[in-house]
Amino acid sequence: MRRQAAINRAVGLGRVPLVGARIMRALDNAGLLGKGLRVIGTNALYAYEAVAGVRFDPAITATLDIDLLMDARRSLRIAASGDIPDLTLIKLLQSVDRSFERAAQTFRAVNRDGYLVDLVRPQRNPPWSAERERITNASDDLTAAPIHGLAWHENAPAFEAVAIDERGGPVRIVATDPRVFAAHKLWISKRADRDPTKRRRDAAQAEAVAHLVARYLSNLPYEQSALLMMPRALFEAARPLFENHGFDDADGF
């Protein structure tokens, strides 16, 4: 593994930021990744490009955070570790980097370099519906923030891939279906309450992922029968993103 990692670095295969990769490995080892937690946001792009065998433009993949979607409908349990008794999510993050601390916003952890880990969950209707807010019962653990629109991610099929981190090591990523990712990003990009800079980046990510799906992931056709978790209006709004993509090798992502 060490030899192959060195080769991967030499040929430039490393893509996933190292802190994010270490966090995903820790979540995987704790039995959480893909079993109640999945990666959403920018880090999901590394899973999509790994399967398609392409590279996105660095302008849309640069990130200093990782967003974790918690499925609050199910019971989550962190696998026991002999090194860390009474393991919580914040302690799991501290096993990756001791400088991680829970921020003033209790859904967020931050390390000394400003790297952010956000724990989020779907906003229910009505919003006061009772469900899990934390992975553990510890009062000092991260509390998932409810956000509108994440139910589409929660109900979408999982998308799993093995990507390569900056040091050449493999990292398993469990993200959400790229079709839902693109449609959701397009929806966010049109929200008036979204920061204009983020809206432009959201739109660029939506277009790039849709382009990738249309050209390289023929096993994921943009068909409503496979995407019933999305409202029809959202599905139709995103449809043009997935259409009319040719196969000119000069096209980029």
Protein backbone atom coordinates (compact mmCIF):
# COMPACT_ATOMS: atom_id res chain seq x y z
CA MET A 1 0.00 0.00 0.00
CA ARG A 2 2.84 2.40 0.82
CA ARG A 3 4.56 1.62 -2.47
CA GLN A 4 1.38 2.08 -4.48
CA ALA A 5 0.59 5.32 -2.65
CA ALA A 6 4.00 6.66 -3.65
CA ILE A 7 3.28 5.71 -7.27
CA ASN A 8 -0.12 7.40 -7.08
CA ARG A 9 1.53 10.59 -5.86
CA ALA A 10 4.20 10.42 -8.55
CA VAL A 11 1.64 10.20 -11.35
CA GLY A 12 -0.59 12.85 -9.83
CA LEU A 13 -3.62 10.74 -8.93
CA GLY A 14 -4.10 12.28 -5.48
CA ARG A 15 -7.27 14.33 -5.36
CA VAL A 16 -9.11 14.19 -2.04
CA PRO A 17 -7.90 16.77 0.53
CA LEU A 18 -6.04 14.92 3.27
CA VAL A 19 -8.09 16.12 6.26
CA GLY A 20 -11.35 15.20 4.56
CA ALA A 21 -9.95 11.81 3.56
CA ARG A 22 -8.86 11.07 7.14
CA ILE A 23 -12.29 12.03 8.45
CA MET A 24 -14.05 9.77 5.96
CA ARG A 25 -11.76 6.87 6.88
CA ALA A 26 -12.47 7.42 10.57
CA LEU A 27 -16.22 7.46 9.89
CA ASP A 28 -15.88 4.30 7.81
CA ASN A 29 -13.89 2.51 10.51
CA ALA A 30 -16.51 3.54 13.07
CA GLY A 31 -19.27 1.95 11.00
CA LEU A 32 -21.02 5.24 10.23
CA LEU A 33 -20.18 5.96 6.60
CA GLY A 34 -23.03 4.72 4.45
CA LYS A 35 -24.87 3.49 7.54
CA GLY A 36 -26.60 6.65 8.64
CA LEU A 37 -24.04 9.21 7.44
CA ARG A 38 -23.20 10.17 3.90
CA VAL A 39 -21.07 12.88 2.35
CA ILE A 40 -22.80 15.76 0.63
CA GLY A 41 -21.40 19.00 -0.69
CA THR A 42 -18.13 19.53 -2.52
CA ASN A 43 -16.35 16.39 -1.28
CA ALA A 44 -18.93 14.27 -3.11
CA LEU A 45 -17.39 15.49 -6.38
CA TYR A 46 -14.34 13.32 -5.76
CA ALA A 47 -16.55 10.21 -5.77
CA TYR A 48 -18.23 11.19 -9.03
CA GLU A 49 -15.02 11.95 -10.88
CA ALA A 50 -13.34 8.76 -9.60
CA VAL A 51 -16.08 6.57 -11.09
CA ALA A 52 -16.24 8.53 -14.35
CA GLY A 53 -12.46 8.64 -14.77
CA VAL A 54 -12.32 12.40 -15.27
CA ARG A 55 -11.22 15.44 -13.26
CA PHE A 56 -13.31 18.43 -12.37
CA ASP A 57 -11.89 21.92 -12.65
CA PRO A 58 -10.08 22.75 -9.37
CA ALA A 59 -12.17 25.92 -9.12
CA ILE A 60 -15.23 23.88 -8.16
CA THR A 61 -13.52 21.23 -6.01
CA ALA A 62 -11.46 23.44 -3.69
CA THR A 63 -12.87 23.12 -0.18
CA LEU A 64 -11.96 23.62 3.45
CA ASP A 65 -14.93 21.78 4.91
CA ILE A 66 -16.90 18.56 4.77
CA ASP A 67 -20.68 18.26 5.07
CA LEU A 68 -22.11 15.12 6.66
CA LEU A 69 -25.78 14.28 6.22
CA MET A 70 -27.29 12.35 9.11
CA ASP A 71 -30.27 10.11 8.47
CA ALA A 72 -32.27 11.06 11.56
CA ARG A 73 -34.87 8.36 10.88
CA ARG A 74 -32.57 5.55 11.88
CA SER A 75 -30.55 4.62 14.93
CA LEU A 76 -26.84 5.26 14.51
CA ARG A 77 -24.16 3.63 16.57
CA ILE A 78 -20.44 4.31 16.59
CA ALA A 79 -18.41 1.11 16.60
CA ALA A 80 -16.56 0.67 19.88
CA SER A 81 -12.87 1.49 20.00
CA GLY A 82 -10.49 0.30 22.68
CA ASP A 83 -8.44 3.48 22.27
CA ILE A 84 -11.35 5.89 22.76
CA PRO A 85 -13.95 4.88 25.37
CA ASP A 86 -17.41 6.48 25.18
CA LEU A 87 -16.75 7.49 21.60
CA THR A 88 -18.72 10.46 20.24
CA LEU A 89 -18.57 12.17 16.86
CA ILE A 90 -16.51 15.05 18.23
CA LYS A 91 -14.07 12.59 19.86
CA LEU A 92 -13.88 10.69 16.58
CA LEU A 93 -12.88 13.92 14.84
CA GLN A 94 -10.31 14.59 17.54
CA SER A 95 -8.79 11.18 16.86
CA VAL A 96 -8.07 12.54 13.36
CA ASP A 97 -6.87 15.96 14.55
CA ARG A 98 -6.67 16.80 18.24
CA SER A 99 -7.38 20.46 17.54
CA PHE A 100 -10.99 19.82 16.47
CA GLU A 101 -13.49 21.50 18.80
CA ARG A 102 -17.21 22.06 18.69
CA ALA A 103 -17.90 25.58 17.49
CA ALA A 104 -20.43 28.06 18.86
CA GLN A 105 -22.78 26.65 16.23
CA THR A 106 -23.32 23.23 17.79
CA PHE A 107 -23.70 21.50 14.41
CA ARG A 108 -20.10 22.41 13.51
CA ALA A 109 -16.59 21.35 14.50
CA VAL A 110 -13.51 23.35 13.52
CA ASN A 111 -9.77 22.69 13.82
CA ARG A 112 -6.90 25.12 14.29
CA ASP A 113 -6.49 25.50 10.52
CA GLY A 114 -10.11 26.52 10.06
CA TYR A 115 -11.25 23.23 8.52
CA LEU A 116 -14.99 22.81 9.18
CA VAL A 117 -17.09 19.69 9.71
CA ASP A 118 -20.84 20.33 9.53
CA LEU A 119 -23.45 17.79 10.64
CA VAL A 120 -26.81 18.39 8.99
CA ARG A 121 -30.19 16.69 8.66
CA PRO A 122 -33.36 17.34 6.65
CA GLN A 123 -35.83 19.94 7.86
CA ARG A 124 -39.08 18.09 8.49
CA ASN A 125 -42.60 19.32 7.92
CA PRO A 126 -43.79 20.25 10.47
CA PRO A 127 -40.34 21.43 11.62
CA TRP A 128 -40.97 20.42 15.24
CA SER A 129 -41.36 16.72 14.40
CA ALA A 130 -39.46 14.71 16.98
CA GLU A 131 -36.43 12.79 15.71
CA ARG A 132 -32.75 12.29 16.43
CA GLU A 133 -30.55 15.38 16.55
CA ARG A 134 -27.28 13.70 17.58
CA ILE A 135 -25.51 10.47 16.76
CA THR A 136 -24.88 9.91 20.47
CA ASN A 137 -26.69 11.05 23.60
CA ALA A 138 -23.71 13.08 24.83
CA SER A 139 -24.75 16.69 25.40
CA ASP A 140 -21.40 18.00 24.15
CA ASP A 141 -21.57 16.11 20.84
CA LEU A 142 -22.44 17.76 17.52
CA THR A 143 -26.14 18.50 17.03
CA ALA A 144 -27.34 18.15 13.44
CA ALA A 145 -28.74 21.34 11.93
CA PRO A 146 -32.08 20.96 10.10
CA ILE A 147 -31.88 22.28 6.53
CA HIS A 148 -34.66 22.46 3.95
CA GLY A 149 -34.16 20.35 0.82
CA LEU A 150 -31.93 17.65 2.31
CA ALA A 151 -34.72 15.06 2.34
CA TRP A 152 -34.02 14.66 -1.38
CA HIS A 153 -30.48 13.60 -0.54
CA GLU A 154 -31.60 11.43 2.35
CA ASN A 155 -34.03 9.45 0.16
CA ALA A 156 -31.75 9.25 -2.88
CA PRO A 157 -29.72 6.13 -3.64
CA ALA A 158 -26.23 6.13 -2.16
CA PHE A 159 -23.28 6.53 -4.51
CA GLU A 160 -20.09 4.77 -3.46
CA ALA A 161 -16.60 5.13 -4.88
CA VAL A 162 -12.95 4.74 -3.92
CA ALA A 163 -10.93 7.87 -4.64
CA ILE A 164 -7.27 8.75 -3.99
CA ASP A 165 -6.20 11.28 -1.39
CA GLU A 166 -3.41 13.84 -1.67
CA ARG A 167 -0.84 11.36 -0.32
CA GLY A 168 -1.84 8.63 -2.71
CA GLY A 169 -3.91 6.52 -0.34
CA PRO A 170 -7.37 5.13 -1.16
CA VAL A 171 -10.43 6.52 0.58
CA ARG A 172 -13.96 5.15 0.38
CA ILE A 173 -16.59 7.83 -0.17
CA VAL A 174 -20.32 7.26 0.27
CA ALA A 175 -22.11 10.23 -1.27
CA THR A 176 -25.56 10.81 -2.72
CA ASP A 177 -26.80 10.08 -6.24
CA PRO A 178 -25.11 12.59 -8.58
CA ARG A 179 -28.38 13.33 -10.36
CA VAL A 180 -29.91 14.49 -7.09
CA PHE A 181 -26.70 16.37 -6.25
CA ALA A 182 -26.90 18.34 -9.51
CA ALA A 183 -30.61 19.12 -9.18
CA HIS A 184 -30.20 20.21 -5.56
CA LYS A 185 -27.22 22.42 -6.37
CA LEU A 186 -29.21 24.07 -9.17
CA TRP A 187 -32.07 24.71 -6.74
CA ILE A 188 -29.72 26.24 -4.16
CA SER A 189 -28.10 28.45 -6.82
CA LYS A 190 -31.46 30.10 -7.45
CA ARG A 191 -32.25 30.92 -3.82
CA ALA A 192 -32.29 34.65 -3.16
CA ASP A 193 -31.03 34.17 0.41
CA ARG A 194 -27.86 32.43 -0.79
CA ASP A 195 -24.57 34.33 -0.91
CA PRO A 196 -24.00 35.40 -4.57
CA THR A 197 -20.48 33.95 -4.68
CA LYS A 198 -21.74 30.60 -3.39
CA ARG A 199 -24.66 30.69 -5.83
CA ARG A 200 -22.28 30.94 -8.80
CA ARG A 201 -20.23 28.03 -7.46
CA ASP A 202 -23.39 25.99 -6.84
CA ALA A 203 -24.50 26.55 -10.42
CA ALA A 204 -21.08 25.56 -11.76
CA GLN A 205 -21.07 22.36 -9.70
CA ALA A 206 -24.60 21.50 -10.83
CA GLU A 207 -23.68 21.89 -14.50
CA ALA A 208 -20.40 19.97 -14.17
CA VAL A 209 -21.95 17.00 -12.37
CA ALA A 210 -24.90 16.83 -14.77
CA HIS A 211 -22.48 16.94 -17.70
CA LEU A 212 -20.46 14.10 -16.18
CA VAL A 213 -23.56 11.95 -15.61
CA ALA A 214 -24.87 12.51 -19.13
CA ARG A 215 -21.55 11.69 -20.80
CA TYR A 216 -20.05 8.95 -18.67
CA LEU A 217 -22.60 7.40 -16.31
CA SER A 218 -25.06 5.87 -18.74
CA ASN A 219 -26.26 3.57 -15.98
CA LEU A 220 -27.81 6.62 -14.33
CA PRO A 221 -30.31 8.02 -16.87
CA TYR A 222 -32.14 11.17 -15.87
CA GLU A 223 -35.58 9.60 -15.64
CA GLN A 224 -38.33 10.54 -13.24
CA SER A 225 -39.13 6.90 -12.44
CA ALA A 226 -35.68 6.60 -10.82
CA LEU A 227 -35.85 9.96 -9.05
CA LEU A 228 -39.24 9.98 -7.38
CA MET A 229 -37.71 11.39 -4.20
CA MET A 230 -37.46 14.77 -5.97
CA PRO A 231 -40.45 17.08 -6.46
CA ARG A 232 -41.57 17.18 -10.07
CA ALA A 233 -40.80 20.90 -10.36
CA LEU A 234 -37.23 20.30 -9.21
CA PHE A 235 -36.83 17.38 -11.59
CA GLU A 236 -38.07 19.40 -14.57
CA ALA A 237 -35.98 22.45 -13.69
CA ALA A 238 -32.79 20.37 -13.75
CA ARG A 239 -33.61 18.36 -16.86
CA PRO A 240 -31.91 20.79 -19.31
CA LEU A 241 -28.62 20.29 -17.45
CA PHE A 242 -28.56 16.65 -18.50
CA GLU A 243 -29.54 17.14 -22.14
CA ASN A 244 -27.59 17.94 -25.29
CA HIS A 245 -24.15 16.93 -24.05
CA GLY A 246 -22.04 15.71 -26.94
CA PHE A 247 -18.86 13.68 -26.75
CA ASP A 248 -16.29 16.21 -27.90
CA ASP A 249 -13.09 15.27 -26.13
CA ALA A 250 -12.22 18.96 -25.96
CA ASP A 251 -15.03 19.49 -23.46
CA GLY A 252 -13.88 20.03 -19.90
CA PHE A 253 -15.38 19.83 -16.46
